[in-house]
Amino acid sequence: MPIPGFDTVALVVIIFVALRETVARFRLIRAARRAPSQGPASA
């Protein structure tokens, strides 16, 4: 018997992780634009 509400919890976790990854990338892009001379992108 499947666990009730498990699909909803899994969906929320997936969305949460995706949002965190998107925010992290957005912050990296902003930091790179703010200081292009710093970071691994310039190497």
PDB file of N, CA and C in Angstrom:
ATOM      1  N   MET A   1       0.853  -1.200   0.000  1.00  0.00           N
ATOM      2  CA  MET A   1       0.000   0.000   0.000  1.00  0.00           C
ATOM      3  C   MET A   1       0.887   1.248   0.000  1.00  0.00           C
ATOM      4  N   PRO A   2       0.678   2.134  -0.936  1.00  0.00           N
ATOM      5  CA  PRO A   2       1.522   3.338  -1.018  1.00  0.00           C
ATOM      6  C   PRO A   2       1.288   4.275   0.152  1.00  0.00           C
ATOM      7  N   ILE A   3       2.296   5.046   0.466  1.00  0.00           N
ATOM      8  CA  ILE A   3       2.187   5.981   1.579  1.00  0.00           C
ATOM      9  C   ILE A   3       1.361   7.188   1.135  1.00  0.00           C
ATOM     10  N   PRO A   4       0.300   7.530   1.867  1.00  0.00           N
ATOM     11  CA  PRO A   4      -0.529   8.673   1.473  1.00  0.00           C
ATOM     12  C   PRO A   4       0.241   9.977   1.595  1.00  0.00           C
ATOM     13  N   GLY A   5       0.177  10.798   0.561  1.00  0.00           N
ATOM     14  CA  GLY A   5       0.854  12.081   0.592  1.00  0.00           C
ATOM     15  C   GLY A   5       2.329  12.012   0.254  1.00  0.00           C
ATOM     16  N   PHE A   6       2.829  10.817  -0.058  1.00  0.00           N
ATOM     17  CA  PHE A   6       4.268  10.696  -0.348  1.00  0.00           C
ATOM     18  C   PHE A   6       4.626  11.420  -1.643  1.00  0.00           C
ATOM     19  N   ASP A   7       3.742  11.324  -2.639  1.00  0.00           N
ATOM     20  CA  ASP A   7       4.013  11.993  -3.918  1.00  0.00           C
ATOM     21  C   ASP A   7       4.117  13.504  -3.718  1.00  0.00           C
ATOM     22  N   THR A   8       3.229  14.047  -2.873  1.00  0.00           N
ATOM     23  CA  THR A   8       3.257  15.496  -2.629  1.00  0.00           C
ATOM     24  C   THR A   8       4.550  15.895  -1.946  1.00  0.00           C
ATOM     25  N   VAL A   9       4.969  15.112  -0.952  1.00  0.00           N
ATOM     26  CA  VAL A   9       6.206  15.432  -0.233  1.00  0.00           C
ATOM     27  C   VAL A   9       7.393  15.361  -1.180  1.00  0.00           C
ATOM     28  N   ALA A  10       7.444  14.328  -2.009  1.00  0.00           N
ATOM     29  CA  ALA A  10       8.558  14.186  -2.949  1.00  0.00           C
ATOM     30  C   ALA A  10       8.579  15.358  -3.929  1.00  0.00           C
ATOM     31  N   LEU A  11       7.397  15.767  -4.399  1.00  0.00           N
ATOM     32  CA  LEU A  11       7.322  16.885  -5.340  1.00  0.00           C
ATOM     33  C   LEU A  11       7.820  18.171  -4.687  1.00  0.00           C
ATOM     34  N   VAL A  12       7.421  18.404  -3.438  1.00  0.00           N
ATOM     35  CA  VAL A  12       7.854  19.606  -2.723  1.00  0.00           C
ATOM     36  C   VAL A  12       9.365  19.594  -2.538  1.00  0.00           C
ATOM     37  N   VAL A  13       9.927  18.424  -2.205  1.00  0.00           N
ATOM     38  CA  VAL A  13      11.375  18.330  -2.004  1.00  0.00           C
ATOM     39  C   VAL A  13      12.110  18.624  -3.312  1.00  0.00           C
ATOM     40  N   ILE A  14      11.615  18.058  -4.410  1.00  0.00           N
ATOM     41  CA  ILE A  14      12.261  18.284  -5.709  1.00  0.00           C
ATOM     42  C   ILE A  14      12.220  19.765  -6.073  1.00  0.00           C
ATOM     43  N   ILE A  15      11.062  20.397  -5.872  1.00  0.00           N
ATOM     44  CA  ILE A  15      10.934  21.824  -6.189  1.00  0.00           C
ATOM     45  C   ILE A  15      11.853  22.641  -5.297  1.00  0.00           C
ATOM     46  N   PHE A  16      11.929  22.265  -4.004  1.00  0.00           N
ATOM     47  CA  PHE A  16      12.771  23.009  -3.067  1.00  0.00           C
ATOM     48  C   PHE A  16      14.232  22.933  -3.478  1.00  0.00           C
ATOM     49  N   VAL A  17      14.683  21.739  -3.838  1.00  0.00           N
ATOM     50  CA  VAL A  17      16.085  21.570  -4.252  1.00  0.00           C
ATOM     51  C   VAL A  17      16.350  22.349  -5.541  1.00  0.00           C
ATOM     52  N   ALA A  18      15.419  22.290  -6.475  1.00  0.00           N
ATOM     53  CA  ALA A  18      15.601  23.013  -7.736  1.00  0.00           C
ATOM     54  C   ALA A  18      15.664  24.517  -7.489  1.00  0.00           C
ATOM     55  N   LEU A  19      14.821  25.014  -6.596  1.00  0.00           N
ATOM     56  CA  LEU A  19      14.839  26.445  -6.293  1.00  0.00           C
ATOM     57  C   LEU A  19      16.159  26.840  -5.652  1.00  0.00           C
ATOM     58  N   ARG A  20      16.647  26.008  -4.725  1.00  0.00           N
ATOM     59  CA  ARG A  20      17.918  26.335  -4.068  1.00  0.00           C
ATOM     60  C   ARG A  20      19.052  26.373  -5.087  1.00  0.00           C
ATOM     61  N   GLU A  21      19.048  25.418  -6.015  1.00  0.00           N
ATOM     62  CA  GLU A  21      20.112  25.383  -7.023  1.00  0.00           C
ATOM     63  C   GLU A  21      20.017  26.603  -7.941  1.00  0.00           C
ATOM     64  N   THR A  22      18.791  26.981  -8.293  1.00  0.00           N
ATOM     65  CA  THR A  22      18.612  28.157  -9.148  1.00  0.00           C
ATOM     66  C   THR A  22      19.087  29.415  -8.441  1.00  0.00           C
ATOM     67  N   VAL A  23      18.755  29.549  -7.162  1.00  0.00           N
ATOM     68  CA  VAL A  23      19.184  30.730  -6.404  1.00  0.00           C
ATOM     69  C   VAL A  23      20.704  30.761  -6.292  1.00  0.00           C
ATOM     70  N   ALA A  24      21.315  29.597  -6.073  1.00  0.00           N
ATOM     71  CA  ALA A  24      22.777  29.548  -5.950  1.00  0.00           C
ATOM     72  C   ALA A  24      23.427  29.975  -7.264  1.00  0.00           C
ATOM     73  N   ARG A  25      22.894  29.496  -8.387  1.00  0.00           N
ATOM     74  CA  ARG A  25      23.455  29.886  -9.687  1.00  0.00           C
ATOM     75  C   ARG A  25      23.253  31.375  -9.931  1.00  0.00           C
ATOM     76  N   PHE A  26      22.078  31.881  -9.561  1.00  0.00           N
ATOM     77  CA  PHE A  26      21.798  33.298  -9.772  1.00  0.00           C
ATOM     78  C   PHE A  26      22.772  34.153  -8.968  1.00  0.00           C
ATOM     79  N   ARG A  27      23.057  33.736  -7.730  1.00  0.00           N
ATOM     80  CA  ARG A  27      24.007  34.490  -6.906  1.00  0.00           C
ATOM     81  C   ARG A  27      25.407  34.422  -7.506  1.00  0.00           C
ATOM     82  N   LEU A  28      25.781  33.267  -8.040  1.00  0.00           N
ATOM     83  CA  LEU A  28      27.105  33.137  -8.658  1.00  0.00           C
ATOM     84  C   LEU A  28      27.211  34.052  -9.874  1.00  0.00           C
ATOM     85  N   ILE A  29      26.159  34.092 -10.678  1.00  0.00           N
ATOM     86  CA  ILE A  29      26.180  34.946 -11.869  1.00  0.00           C
ATOM     87  C   ILE A  29      26.272  36.411 -11.454  1.00  0.00           C
ATOM     88  N   ARG A  30      25.506  36.799 -10.438  1.00  0.00           N
ATOM     89  CA  ARG A  30      25.551  38.194  -9.984  1.00  0.00           C
ATOM     90  C   ARG A  30      26.932  38.535  -9.448  1.00  0.00           C
ATOM     91  N   ALA A  31      27.525  37.624  -8.688  1.00  0.00           N
ATOM     92  CA  ALA A  31      28.859  37.881  -8.134  1.00  0.00           C
ATOM     93  C   ALA A  31      29.883  37.985  -9.260  1.00  0.00           C
ATOM     94  N   ALA A  32      29.743  37.136 -10.283  1.00  0.00           N
ATOM     95  CA  ALA A  32      30.694  37.165 -11.395  1.00  0.00           C
ATOM     96  C   ALA A  32      30.553  38.472 -12.172  1.00  0.00           C
ATOM     97  N   ARG A  33      29.324  38.944 -12.341  1.00  0.00           N
ATOM     98  CA  ARG A  33      29.124  40.198 -13.068  1.00  0.00           C
ATOM     99  C   ARG A  33      29.641  41.377 -12.255  1.00  0.00           C
ATOM    100  N   ARG A  34      29.483  41.291 -10.932  1.00  0.00           N
ATOM    101  CA  ARG A  34      29.892  42.406 -10.081  1.00  0.00           C
ATOM    102  C   ARG A  34      31.412  42.517 -10.043  1.00  0.00           C
ATOM    103  N   ALA A  35      32.110  41.368  -9.978  1.00  0.00           N
ATOM    104  CA  ALA A  35      33.576  41.360  -9.913  1.00  0.00           C
ATOM    105  C   ALA A  35      34.101  40.372 -10.956  1.00  0.00           C
ATOM    106  N   PRO A  36      34.186  40.774 -12.214  1.00  0.00           N
ATOM    107  CA  PRO A  36      34.604  39.842 -13.271  1.00  0.00           C
ATOM    108  C   PRO A  36      36.056  39.403 -13.137  1.00  0.00           C
ATOM    109  N   SER A  37      36.861  40.168 -12.395  1.00  0.00           N
ATOM    110  CA  SER A  37      38.280  39.815 -12.269  1.00  0.00           C
ATOM    111  C   SER A  37      38.486  38.692 -11.259  1.00  0.00           C
ATOM    112  N   GLN A  38      37.467  38.411 -10.448  1.00  0.00           N
ATOM    113  CA  GLN A  38      37.599  37.376  -9.428  1.00  0.00           C
ATOM    114  C   GLN A  38      36.800  36.147  -9.835  1.00  0.00           C
ATOM    115  N   GLY A  39      37.166  35.001  -9.235  1.00  0.00           N
ATOM    116  CA  GLY A  39      36.405  33.785  -9.475  1.00  0.00           C
ATOM    117  C   GLY A  39      37.041  32.889 -10.513  1.00  0.00           C
ATOM    118  N   PRO A  40      36.575  31.640 -10.600  1.00  0.00           N
ATOM    119  CA  PRO A  40      37.159  30.661 -11.528  1.00  0.00           C
ATOM    120  C   PRO A  40      36.780  30.946 -12.979  1.00  0.00           C
ATOM    121  N   ALA A  41      35.779  31.803 -13.212  1.00  0.00           N
ATOM    122  CA  ALA A  41      35.341  32.057 -14.585  1.00  0.00           C
ATOM    123  C   ALA A  41      36.407  32.817 -15.364  1.00  0.00           C
ATOM    124  N   SER A  42      37.204  33.636 -14.679  1.00  0.00           N
ATOM    125  CA  SER A  42      38.214  34.443 -15.373  1.00  0.00           C
ATOM    126  C   SER A  42      39.447  33.618 -15.732  1.00  0.00           C
ATOM    127  N   ALA A  43      39.641  32.498 -15.050  1.00  0.00           N
ATOM    128  CA  ALA A  43      40.852  31.697 -15.292  1.00  0.00           C
ATOM    129  C   ALA A  43      40.745  30.945 -16.613  1.00  0.00           C
TER     130      ALA A  43
END
